[in-house]
Structure formats: C-alpha cells, structure tokens
C-alpha cells in the first residue's frame, strides 16, 4: 500500500507540473494574440488619421502640384483674366515703327471739305473750303482704313468719313476694325484677332506702339496709342488718339492728333496697357 500511495502521489505531482506548463503557454499565446490585435487596430486608426489630415491640408496639395511640370497659370485682376505664360510678348523695332508711322499719317493728312460736314457726336461742323489736318473723328459706320482711303472717300463727299478712337488704333495696328469693348473681351477671353492676340501687359513693360485701354465692360471706353514718355518728366506720355473731348470754340478740333497724357491720371482712372502680339 505504501508503494502504491507513493506512486500515486508522484504521478499527481507530475500531472500538476505539466498542467501548469500548458496553462502558462496558453496564457502567453493569448497575450501575444491580444498584442497583435491591438497593433492592427492602432495601425488602422493611424492610417485613417493621416489620410484625413492630408485631405484637409491645402499646403500638401500645393506641394504636390508644384511637382507637376510647368503649367500655365492665370490670375484675375480688375475683372480681366491675365494668362501668365512663358510666350514672348515682345515686338520688333521694325514692327513698332510701322505701327507708329501709320498712326502718325492719320494725324498729319491734310484735306479740304467741299461741303459743310457735321460730326453729330461732337456737334462740330467742318467748314467747306477750310484746310484741316488729321482724319476727323466719327463714330458712324463710315470708317476709313488709311489716309489714302480717307482722301478718296472724302473728296466731293457730303458724308463725313473718319475714325473713332478704336478705329485709329485698329488702323495703326493693321487689324480689322475693333471697338474698345471687343478689345476688352478679346483680352479677357484670350481670343484671336485674325492671326494675332491682344495681351494686357504691366505698366513697367509699356513700349512704343502699345495702347492704353479703358472700358466699363459695356462698350463705354477709350483707347490711345502710346508713342513714348517725356525724357524730362516720365509722367507725361506722348500718344496718338482720336478724342471727342473738345472745348468751345472746339480747340483742339475733333481729329486724329498727338496728345500728352498723365500716366498717374490714366492709372487712377483704370486704364490698362495692352500689346498686339503673335502669341
């Protein structure tokens, strides 16, 4: 009996040891599994947080966009769309001279009406037999394309032929008849005039044969062709223009002429410098 009892006790002790080992291994496995589960949940939450933060941060988007090539951009200024491209907006000196010469010719042409001709907008009468210099101002449909065209049409005419402000610039630039509104819209929309464009430029880039434009977006405006700036007073801009602003007794008379304009005043009024380009 003693031997048997001793054997039973020994067996029971061995079983307890093995059983305890199994319990410990099982507990360790459970702990490891729990840690893995917690880690997976943590990684999942972290991923969602980073994704949300990135989507809400515009700086990250801008940083990514900066890595995408060189794209054309645009900005809005005074309701005008200005496309900031890398195309050249320069004009050759020969081209500038041609434009200025055409404008000058419109201001120096001399003519003598054979009838009294009335400019209705200005309420001005060109007296028959009197010599005038410069193509007369006219907003009628009887526009002219050159001094030669004007002289051929005004000869023996009872109708007043001439140009308005945008007509003069159109002739000088060698483009189809434009208005201040059509030029304004062409600049805003980037539209072509024939095979050319009209682009807005900065005042610092103003160069001979550029133009100075203003329009309220409804057709009320004015335009003049820039010649150069006074060397002694940079605020004085020499321009060619057709303008109806006359003072009784109508001096200066409403014809194409060379004028002096204040740069500060034009900028304050909202004039913008523009240029005829190939691009």
C-alpha atoms as a PDB file:
ATOM      1  CA  UNK A   1       0.000   0.000   0.000  1.00  0.00           C
ATOM      2  CA  UNK A   2       2.812   2.381   0.758  1.00  0.00           C
ATOM      3  CA  UNK A   3       4.426   1.786  -2.614  1.00  0.00           C
ATOM      4  CA  UNK A   4       1.170   2.365  -4.405  1.00  0.00           C
ATOM      5  CA  UNK A   5       0.446   5.505  -2.486  1.00  0.00           C
ATOM      6  CA  UNK A   6       3.918   6.783  -3.271  1.00  0.00           C
ATOM      7  CA  UNK A   7       3.401   6.123  -6.958  1.00  0.00           C
ATOM      8  CA  UNK A   8       0.035   7.881  -6.989  1.00  0.00           C
ATOM      9  CA  UNK A   9       1.451  10.984  -5.290  1.00  0.00           C
ATOM     10  CA  UNK A  10       4.352  11.110  -7.732  1.00  0.00           C
ATOM     11  CA  UNK A  11       2.034  10.774 -10.715  1.00  0.00           C
ATOM     12  CA  UNK A  12      -0.257  13.502  -9.392  1.00  0.00           C
ATOM     13  CA  UNK A  13       2.694  15.847  -8.906  1.00  0.00           C
ATOM     14  CA  UNK A  14       3.949  15.241 -12.444  1.00  0.00           C
ATOM     15  CA  UNK A  15       0.483  15.875 -13.862  1.00  0.00           C
ATOM     16  CA  UNK A  16       0.200  19.176 -11.979  1.00  0.00           C
ATOM     17  CA  UNK A  17       3.539  20.377 -13.320  1.00  0.00           C
ATOM     18  CA  UNK A  18       2.564  19.518 -16.910  1.00  0.00           C
ATOM     19  CA  UNK A  19      -0.850  21.078 -16.461  1.00  0.00           C
ATOM     20  CA  UNK A  20       0.694  24.306 -15.116  1.00  0.00           C
ATOM     21  CA  UNK A  21       3.074  24.466 -18.079  1.00  0.00           C
ATOM     22  CA  UNK A  22       0.153  24.117 -20.509  1.00  0.00           C
ATOM     23  CA  UNK A  23      -1.708  26.915 -18.745  1.00  0.00           C
ATOM     24  CA  UNK A  24       1.302  29.233 -18.926  1.00  0.00           C
ATOM     25  CA  UNK A  25       1.863  28.546 -22.668  1.00  0.00           C
ATOM     26  CA  UNK A  26      -1.821  29.137 -23.363  1.00  0.00           C
ATOM     27  CA  UNK A  27      -1.725  32.441 -21.457  1.00  0.00           C
ATOM     28  CA  UNK A  28       1.359  33.607 -23.336  1.00  0.00           C
ATOM     29  CA  UNK A  29      -0.272  32.798 -26.676  1.00  0.00           C
ATOM     30  CA  UNK A  30      -3.386  34.735 -25.675  1.00  0.00           C
ATOM     31  CA  UNK A  31      -1.283  37.745 -24.640  1.00  0.00           C
ATOM     32  CA  UNK A  32       0.614  37.678 -27.954  1.00  0.00           C
ATOM     33  CA  UNK A  33      -2.632  37.446 -29.940  1.00  0.00           C
ATOM     34  CA  UNK A  34      -4.088  40.356 -27.964  1.00  0.00           C
ATOM     35  CA  UNK A  35      -0.990  42.464 -28.628  1.00  0.00           C
ATOM     36  CA  UNK A  36      -1.186  41.707 -32.354  1.00  0.00           C
ATOM     37  CA  UNK A  37      -4.874  42.689 -32.387  1.00  0.00           C
ATOM     38  CA  UNK A  38      -4.113  45.979 -30.588  1.00  0.00           C
ATOM     39  CA  UNK A  39      -1.275  46.717 -33.027  1.00  0.00           C
ATOM     40  CA  UNK A  40      -3.532  46.124 -36.038  1.00  0.00           C
ATOM     41  CA  UNK A  41      -6.205  48.457 -34.626  1.00  0.00           C
ATOM     42  CA  UNK A  42      -3.571  51.117 -33.887  1.00  0.00           C
ATOM     43  CA  UNK A  43      -2.158  50.964 -37.432  1.00  0.00           C
ATOM     44  CA  UNK A  44      -5.671  51.167 -38.901  1.00  0.00           C
ATOM     45  CA  UNK A  45      -6.580  54.254 -36.827  1.00  0.00           C
ATOM     46  CA  UNK A  46      -3.231  55.930 -37.641  1.00  0.00           C
ATOM     47  CA  UNK A  47      -3.741  55.369 -41.374  1.00  0.00           C
ATOM     48  CA  UNK A  48      -7.218  56.928 -41.275  1.00  0.00           C
ATOM     49  CA  UNK A  49      -5.950  59.932 -39.293  1.00  0.00           C
ATOM     50  CA  UNK A  50      -3.050  60.636 -41.674  1.00  0.00           C
ATOM     51  CA  UNK A  51      -5.318  60.350 -44.724  1.00  0.00           C
ATOM     52  CA  UNK A  52      -7.859  62.767 -43.229  1.00  0.00           C
ATOM     53  CA  UNK A  53      -5.177  65.300 -42.240  1.00  0.00           C
ATOM     54  CA  UNK A  54      -3.652  65.212 -45.723  1.00  0.00           C
ATOM     55  CA  UNK A  55      -7.027  65.766 -47.376  1.00  0.00           C
ATOM     56  CA  UNK A  56      -7.726  68.795 -45.163  1.00  0.00           C
ATOM     57  CA  UNK A  57      -4.303  70.401 -45.582  1.00  0.00           C
ATOM     58  CA  UNK A  58      -4.146  72.565 -48.760  1.00  0.00           C
ATOM     59  CA  UNK A  59      -0.401  73.050 -48.318  1.00  0.00           C
ATOM     60  CA  UNK A  60       0.161  69.372 -49.057  1.00  0.00           C
ATOM     61  CA  UNK A  61      -1.899  69.663 -52.214  1.00  0.00           C
ATOM     62  CA  UNK A  62       0.053  72.710 -53.316  1.00  0.00           C
ATOM     63  CA  UNK A  63       3.327  70.928 -52.653  1.00  0.00           C
ATOM     64  CA  UNK A  64       2.206  68.049 -54.863  1.00  0.00           C
ATOM     65  CA  UNK A  65       1.051  70.396 -57.596  1.00  0.00           C
ATOM     66  CA  UNK A  66       4.420  72.119 -57.603  1.00  0.00           C
ATOM     67  CA  UNK A  67       5.981  68.857 -58.652  1.00  0.00           C
ATOM     68  CA  UNK A  68       3.812  68.607 -61.770  1.00  0.00           C
ATOM     69  CA  UNK A  69       5.739  70.163 -64.639  1.00  0.00           C
ATOM     70  CA  UNK A  70       5.462  73.815 -65.573  1.00  0.00           C
ATOM     71  CA  UNK A  71       1.778  74.531 -66.096  1.00  0.00           C
ATOM     72  CA  UNK A  72       0.279  77.779 -67.437  1.00  0.00           C
ATOM     73  CA  UNK A  73      -1.465  79.662 -64.676  1.00  0.00           C
ATOM     74  CA  UNK A  74      -3.821  82.616 -64.637  1.00  0.00           C
ATOM     75  CA  UNK A  75      -4.849  85.292 -62.223  1.00  0.00           C
ATOM     76  CA  UNK A  76      -7.732  87.719 -62.016  1.00  0.00           C
ATOM     77  CA  UNK A  77      -7.128  91.439 -61.896  1.00  0.00           C
ATOM     78  CA  UNK A  78      -9.759  94.125 -62.349  1.00  0.00           C
ATOM     79  CA  UNK A  79     -12.136  91.539 -63.812  1.00  0.00           C
ATOM     80  CA  UNK A  80      -9.624  90.758 -66.549  1.00  0.00           C
ATOM     81  CA  UNK A  81      -8.174  87.318 -66.987  1.00  0.00           C
ATOM     82  CA  UNK A  82      -4.431  87.555 -67.374  1.00  0.00           C
ATOM     83  CA  UNK A  83      -2.692  84.436 -68.653  1.00  0.00           C
ATOM     84  CA  UNK A  84       0.857  84.153 -67.245  1.00  0.00           C
ATOM     85  CA  UNK A  85       2.511  82.082 -69.962  1.00  0.00           C
ATOM     86  CA  UNK A  86       6.153  81.949 -70.993  1.00  0.00           C
ATOM     87  CA  UNK A  87       5.454  83.015 -74.581  1.00  0.00           C
ATOM     88  CA  UNK A  88       7.295  86.095 -75.792  1.00  0.00           C
ATOM     89  CA  UNK A  89       5.246  89.283 -75.882  1.00  0.00           C
ATOM     90  CA  UNK A  90       7.995  91.379 -77.435  1.00  0.00           C
ATOM     91  CA  UNK A  91       7.581  93.335 -80.668  1.00  0.00           C
ATOM     92  CA  UNK A  92      10.373  94.072 -83.132  1.00  0.00           C
ATOM     93  CA  UNK A  93      11.566  97.649 -83.584  1.00  0.00           C
ATOM     94  CA  UNK A  94      10.620  97.471 -87.261  1.00  0.00           C
ATOM     95  CA  UNK A  95       7.078  96.477 -86.355  1.00  0.00           C
ATOM     96  CA  UNK A  96       6.823  99.287 -83.803  1.00  0.00           C
ATOM     97  CA  UNK A  97       7.989 101.839 -86.348  1.00  0.00           C
ATOM     98  CA  UNK A  98       5.444 100.648 -88.917  1.00  0.00           C
ATOM     99  CA  UNK A  99       2.600 100.992 -86.398  1.00  0.00           C
ATOM    100  CA  UNK A 100       3.648 104.457 -85.258  1.00  0.00           C
ATOM    101  CA  UNK A 101       4.099 105.648 -88.840  1.00  0.00           C
ATOM    102  CA  UNK A 102       0.581 104.525 -89.769  1.00  0.00           C
ATOM    103  CA  UNK A 103      -0.854 106.359 -86.775  1.00  0.00           C
ATOM    104  CA  UNK A 104       1.174 109.494 -87.496  1.00  0.00           C
ATOM    105  CA  UNK A 105      -0.020 109.514 -91.110  1.00  0.00           C
ATOM    106  CA  UNK A 106      -3.624 109.612 -89.851  1.00  0.00           C
ATOM    107  CA  UNK A 107      -2.786 112.702 -87.771  1.00  0.00           C
ATOM    108  CA  UNK A 108      -0.883 114.627 -90.464  1.00  0.00           C
ATOM    109  CA  UNK A 109      -3.048 114.101 -93.548  1.00  0.00           C
ATOM    110  CA  UNK A 110      -4.435 117.406 -94.857  1.00  0.00           C
ATOM    111  CA  UNK A 111      -7.818 117.769 -96.500  1.00  0.00           C
ATOM    112  CA  UNK A 112     -10.357 120.375 -97.612  1.00  0.00           C
ATOM    113  CA  UNK A 113     -14.096 119.572 -97.461  1.00  0.00           C
ATOM    114  CA  UNK A 114     -16.163 120.763-100.401  1.00  0.00           C
ATOM    115  CA  UNK A 115     -19.316 120.823 -98.267  1.00  0.00           C
ATOM    116  CA  UNK A 116     -20.049 121.609 -94.654  1.00  0.00           C
ATOM    117  CA  UNK A 117     -19.692 118.270 -92.863  1.00  0.00           C
ATOM    118  CA  UNK A 118     -21.278 117.719 -89.458  1.00  0.00           C
ATOM    119  CA  UNK A 119     -19.835 115.432 -86.783  1.00  0.00           C
ATOM    120  CA  UNK A 120     -23.021 114.674 -84.846  1.00  0.00           C
ATOM    121  CA  UNK A 121     -21.402 113.296 -81.695  1.00  0.00           C
ATOM    122  CA  UNK A 122     -19.345 116.452 -81.143  1.00  0.00           C
ATOM    123  CA  UNK A 123     -21.843 118.828 -82.733  1.00  0.00           C
ATOM    124  CA  UNK A 124     -18.914 120.071 -84.746  1.00  0.00           C
ATOM    125  CA  UNK A 125     -19.044 121.386 -88.329  1.00  0.00           C
ATOM    126  CA  UNK A 126     -16.106 121.030 -90.687  1.00  0.00           C
ATOM    127  CA  UNK A 127     -16.424 124.166 -92.851  1.00  0.00           C
ATOM    128  CA  UNK A 128     -16.209 123.773 -96.610  1.00  0.00           C
ATOM    129  CA  UNK A 129     -13.125 125.270 -98.227  1.00  0.00           C
ATOM    130  CA  UNK A 130     -11.129 125.271 -94.977  1.00  0.00           C
ATOM    131  CA  UNK A 131      -7.957 123.205 -94.663  1.00  0.00           C
ATOM    132  CA  UNK A 132      -7.859 120.630 -91.856  1.00  0.00           C
ATOM    133  CA  UNK A 133      -5.120 118.330 -90.620  1.00  0.00           C
ATOM    134  CA  UNK A 134      -5.898 114.850 -89.300  1.00  0.00           C
ATOM    135  CA  UNK A 135      -8.621 112.334 -90.084  1.00  0.00           C
ATOM    136  CA  UNK A 136     -11.836 113.642 -88.460  1.00  0.00           C
ATOM    137  CA  UNK A 137     -13.457 111.942 -85.505  1.00  0.00           C
ATOM    138  CA  UNK A 138     -16.533 109.910 -86.420  1.00  0.00           C
ATOM    139  CA  UNK A 139     -18.451 107.115 -84.732  1.00  0.00           C
ATOM    140  CA  UNK A 140     -20.576 106.469 -87.803  1.00  0.00           C
ATOM    141  CA  UNK A 141     -20.147 103.390 -89.943  1.00  0.00           C
ATOM    142  CA  UNK A 142     -18.194 105.439 -92.491  1.00  0.00           C
ATOM    143  CA  UNK A 143     -14.796 104.417 -91.164  1.00  0.00           C
ATOM    144  CA  UNK A 144     -11.542 104.621 -93.144  1.00  0.00           C
ATOM    145  CA  UNK A 145      -8.530 102.308 -93.256  1.00  0.00           C
ATOM    146  CA  UNK A 146      -5.735 104.715 -94.262  1.00  0.00           C
ATOM    147  CA  UNK A 147      -5.080 108.342 -95.258  1.00  0.00           C
ATOM    148  CA  UNK A 148      -5.345 107.332 -98.912  1.00  0.00           C
ATOM    149  CA  UNK A 149      -8.678 105.623 -98.280  1.00  0.00           C
ATOM    150  CA  UNK A 150      -9.883 108.696 -96.395  1.00  0.00           C
ATOM    151  CA  UNK A 151      -8.910 111.177 -99.132  1.00  0.00           C
ATOM    152  CA  UNK A 152     -10.574 109.104-101.831  1.00  0.00           C
ATOM    153  CA  UNK A 153     -13.820 108.913 -99.858  1.00  0.00           C
ATOM    154  CA  UNK A 154     -13.965 112.475 -98.529  1.00  0.00           C
ATOM    155  CA  UNK A 155     -13.417 114.017-101.967  1.00  0.00           C
ATOM    156  CA  UNK A 156     -16.690 115.633-103.096  1.00  0.00           C
ATOM    157  CA  UNK A 157     -18.485 113.821-100.250  1.00  0.00           C
ATOM    158  CA  UNK A 158     -21.457 115.175 -98.370  1.00  0.00           C
ATOM    159  CA  UNK A 159     -20.928 112.475 -95.771  1.00  0.00           C
ATOM    160  CA  UNK A 160     -18.252 112.730 -93.071  1.00  0.00           C
ATOM    161  CA  UNK A 161     -15.769 109.875 -93.162  1.00  0.00           C
ATOM    162  CA  UNK A 162     -13.329 109.310 -90.335  1.00  0.00           C
ATOM    163  CA  UNK A 163     -12.437 107.138 -87.346  1.00  0.00           C
ATOM    164  CA  UNK A 164     -13.204 106.898 -83.666  1.00  0.00           C
ATOM    165  CA  UNK A 165     -10.529 106.114 -81.063  1.00  0.00           C
ATOM    166  CA  UNK A 166     -10.542 102.337 -81.551  1.00  0.00           C
ATOM    167  CA  UNK A 167     -10.716 102.785 -85.316  1.00  0.00           C
ATOM    168  CA  UNK A 168      -7.457 104.751 -85.243  1.00  0.00           C
ATOM    169  CA  UNK A 169      -5.674 102.073 -83.181  1.00  0.00           C
ATOM    170  CA  UNK A 170      -7.075  99.339 -85.451  1.00  0.00           C
ATOM    171  CA  UNK A 171      -5.619 101.121 -88.497  1.00  0.00           C
ATOM    172  CA  UNK A 172      -2.258 101.641 -86.790  1.00  0.00           C
ATOM    173  CA  UNK A 173      -2.049  98.013 -85.661  1.00  0.00           C
ATOM    174  CA  UNK A 174      -3.133  96.777 -89.092  1.00  0.00           C
ATOM    175  CA  UNK A 175      -6.036  94.696 -87.784  1.00  0.00           C
ATOM    176  CA  UNK A 176      -9.742  94.526 -88.577  1.00  0.00           C
ATOM    177  CA  UNK A 177     -12.000  97.244 -87.177  1.00  0.00           C
ATOM    178  CA  UNK A 178     -12.282  96.901 -83.398  1.00  0.00           C
ATOM    179  CA  UNK A 179     -14.090  98.687 -80.579  1.00  0.00           C
ATOM    180  CA  UNK A 180     -12.967  99.253 -77.003  1.00  0.00           C
ATOM    181  CA  UNK A 181     -15.442  96.565 -75.921  1.00  0.00           C
ATOM    182  CA  UNK A 182     -14.270  93.985 -78.474  1.00  0.00           C
ATOM    183  CA  UNK A 183     -10.651  94.588 -77.434  1.00  0.00           C
ATOM    184  CA  UNK A 184     -11.626  94.323 -73.763  1.00  0.00           C
ATOM    185  CA  UNK A 185     -13.371  90.986 -74.406  1.00  0.00           C
ATOM    186  CA  UNK A 186     -10.533  89.667 -76.584  1.00  0.00           C
ATOM    187  CA  UNK A 187      -8.084  90.317 -73.755  1.00  0.00           C
ATOM    188  CA  UNK A 188     -10.379  88.786 -71.155  1.00  0.00           C
ATOM    189  CA  UNK A 189     -11.098  85.660 -73.207  1.00  0.00           C
ATOM    190  CA  UNK A 190      -7.731  85.293 -74.918  1.00  0.00           C
ATOM    191  CA  UNK A 191      -9.415  85.453 -78.333  1.00  0.00           C
ATOM    192  CA  UNK A 192      -7.619  85.925 -81.628  1.00  0.00           C
ATOM    193  CA  UNK A 193      -7.959  88.913 -83.931  1.00  0.00           C
ATOM    194  CA  UNK A 194      -7.079  87.396 -87.266  1.00  0.00           C
ATOM    195  CA  UNK A 195      -3.806  85.617 -86.516  1.00  0.00           C
ATOM    196  CA  UNK A 196      -2.842  87.882 -83.625  1.00  0.00           C
ATOM    197  CA  UNK A 197      -3.675  88.402 -79.971  1.00  0.00           C
ATOM    198  CA  UNK A 198      -4.047  91.460 -77.784  1.00  0.00           C
ATOM    199  CA  UNK A 199      -2.491  90.947 -74.352  1.00  0.00           C
ATOM    200  CA  UNK A 200      -2.538  93.019 -71.202  1.00  0.00           C
ATOM    201  CA  UNK A 201       0.943  93.961 -70.031  1.00  0.00           C
ATOM    202  CA  UNK A 202       2.292  95.764 -66.987  1.00  0.00           C
ATOM    203  CA  UNK A 203       2.924  99.490 -66.879  1.00  0.00           C
ATOM    204  CA  UNK A 204       6.618  98.751 -66.405  1.00  0.00           C
ATOM    205  CA  UNK A 205       6.654  96.909 -69.752  1.00  0.00           C
ATOM    206  CA  UNK A 206       4.975  99.757 -71.661  1.00  0.00           C
ATOM    207  CA  UNK A 207       6.709 100.204 -75.017  1.00  0.00           C
ATOM    208  CA  UNK A 208       6.174 102.300 -78.187  1.00  0.00           C
ATOM    209  CA  UNK A 209       3.227 101.045 -80.321  1.00  0.00           C
ATOM    210  CA  UNK A 210       1.421  99.611 -77.268  1.00  0.00           C
ATOM    211  CA  UNK A 211      -2.015 101.007 -76.458  1.00  0.00           C
ATOM    212  CA  UNK A 212      -3.774 102.281 -73.341  1.00  0.00           C
ATOM    213  CA  UNK A 213      -7.329 100.999 -72.951  1.00  0.00           C
ATOM    214  CA  UNK A 214     -10.269 101.542 -70.671  1.00  0.00           C
ATOM    215  CA  UNK A 215     -13.766 100.063 -70.968  1.00  0.00           C
ATOM    216  CA  UNK A 216     -16.537  99.507 -68.451  1.00  0.00           C
ATOM    217  CA  UNK A 217     -17.375  96.109 -69.950  1.00  0.00           C
ATOM    218  CA  UNK A 218     -20.395  97.588 -71.716  1.00  0.00           C
ATOM    219  CA  UNK A 219     -18.746  99.488 -74.544  1.00  0.00           C
ATOM    220  CA  UNK A 220     -18.125 102.803 -72.816  1.00  0.00           C
ATOM    221  CA  UNK A 221     -14.423 103.471 -73.031  1.00  0.00           C
ATOM    222  CA  UNK A 222     -11.449 104.973 -74.811  1.00  0.00           C
ATOM    223  CA  UNK A 223      -8.127 103.873 -76.280  1.00  0.00           C
ATOM    224  CA  UNK A 224      -4.945 105.641 -77.400  1.00  0.00           C
ATOM    225  CA  UNK A 225      -1.651 104.570 -78.969  1.00  0.00           C
ATOM    226  CA  UNK A 226       1.483 105.061 -76.873  1.00  0.00           C
ATOM    227  CA  UNK A 227       4.454 106.767 -78.580  1.00  0.00           C
ATOM    228  CA  UNK A 228       6.950 107.332 -75.767  1.00  0.00           C
ATOM    229  CA  UNK A 229       7.453 109.074 -72.431  1.00  0.00           C
ATOM    230  CA  UNK A 230       8.868 112.537 -71.894  1.00  0.00           C
ATOM    231  CA  UNK A 231      12.560 112.222 -71.036  1.00  0.00           C
ATOM    232  CA  UNK A 232      12.381 115.090 -68.543  1.00  0.00           C
ATOM    233  CA  UNK A 233       9.064 114.074 -66.972  1.00  0.00           C
ATOM    234  CA  UNK A 234       8.213 110.365 -67.109  1.00  0.00           C
ATOM    235  CA  UNK A 235       4.638 111.108 -66.046  1.00  0.00           C
ATOM    236  CA  UNK A 236       3.985 112.746 -69.414  1.00  0.00           C
ATOM    237  CA  UNK A 237       3.072 110.150 -72.033  1.00  0.00           C
ATOM    238  CA  UNK A 238       3.043 111.092 -75.718  1.00  0.00           C
ATOM    239  CA  UNK A 239       0.156 109.378 -77.513  1.00  0.00           C
ATOM    240  CA  UNK A 240      -1.804 109.328 -80.762  1.00  0.00           C
ATOM    241  CA  UNK A 241      -5.556 109.391 -80.306  1.00  0.00           C
ATOM    242  CA  UNK A 242      -8.967 110.220 -81.685  1.00  0.00           C
ATOM    243  CA  UNK A 243     -10.849 112.012 -78.943  1.00  0.00           C
ATOM    244  CA  UNK A 244     -14.131 113.930 -78.860  1.00  0.00           C
ATOM    245  CA  UNK A 245     -13.201 115.921 -75.759  1.00  0.00           C
ATOM    246  CA  UNK A 246     -13.224 119.446 -77.160  1.00  0.00           C
ATOM    247  CA  UNK A 247     -13.932 122.796 -75.555  1.00  0.00           C
ATOM    248  CA  UNK A 248     -15.783 125.655 -77.241  1.00  0.00           C
ATOM    249  CA  UNK A 249     -14.627 127.110 -79.551  1.00  0.00           C
ATOM    250  CA  UNK A 250     -13.686 123.490 -80.251  1.00  0.00           C
ATOM    251  CA  UNK A 251      -9.960 123.579 -79.631  1.00  0.00           C
ATOM    252  CA  UNK A 252      -8.472 121.149 -80.217  1.00  0.00           C
ATOM    253  CA  UNK A 253     -10.824 120.183 -83.008  1.00  0.00           C
ATOM    254  CA  UNK A 254     -12.049 116.545 -83.150  1.00  0.00           C
ATOM    255  CA  UNK A 255      -9.424 114.985 -85.406  1.00  0.00           C
ATOM    256  CA  UNK A 256      -6.696 112.370 -85.031  1.00  0.00           C
ATOM    257  CA  UNK A 257      -3.835 114.059 -83.218  1.00  0.00           C
ATOM    258  CA  UNK A 258      -0.822 113.721 -80.965  1.00  0.00           C
ATOM    259  CA  UNK A 259      -1.534 114.420 -77.301  1.00  0.00           C
ATOM    260  CA  UNK A 260       0.208 114.395 -73.924  1.00  0.00           C
ATOM    261  CA  UNK A 261      -1.391 112.354 -71.153  1.00  0.00           C
ATOM    262  CA  UNK A 262      -0.553 111.987 -67.463  1.00  0.00           C
ATOM    263  CA  UNK A 263       0.449 108.444 -66.547  1.00  0.00           C
ATOM    264  CA  UNK A 264      -0.714 108.873 -62.944  1.00  0.00           C
ATOM    265  CA  UNK A 265      -4.113 110.134 -64.085  1.00  0.00           C
ATOM    266  CA  UNK A 266      -4.590 107.301 -66.570  1.00  0.00           C
ATOM    267  CA  UNK A 267      -3.664 104.693 -63.965  1.00  0.00           C
ATOM    268  CA  UNK A 268      -6.032 106.266 -61.454  1.00  0.00           C
ATOM    269  CA  UNK A 269      -8.882 106.159 -63.993  1.00  0.00           C
ATOM    270  CA  UNK A 270      -8.272 102.456 -64.632  1.00  0.00           C
ATOM    271  CA  UNK A 271      -6.521 102.418 -67.992  1.00  0.00           C
ATOM    272  CA  UNK A 272      -4.573  99.251 -68.771  1.00  0.00           C
ATOM    273  CA  UNK A 273      -1.585  98.932 -71.139  1.00  0.00           C
ATOM    274  CA  UNK A 274      -2.102  96.363 -73.910  1.00  0.00           C
ATOM    275  CA  UNK A 275       0.018  94.955 -76.743  1.00  0.00           C
ATOM    276  CA  UNK A 276      -0.605  93.349 -80.116  1.00  0.00           C
ATOM    277  CA  UNK A 277       1.319  90.049 -80.279  1.00  0.00           C
ATOM    278  CA  UNK A 278       1.768  86.960 -82.419  1.00  0.00           C
ATOM    279  CA  UNK A 279       1.247  84.649 -79.402  1.00  0.00           C
END
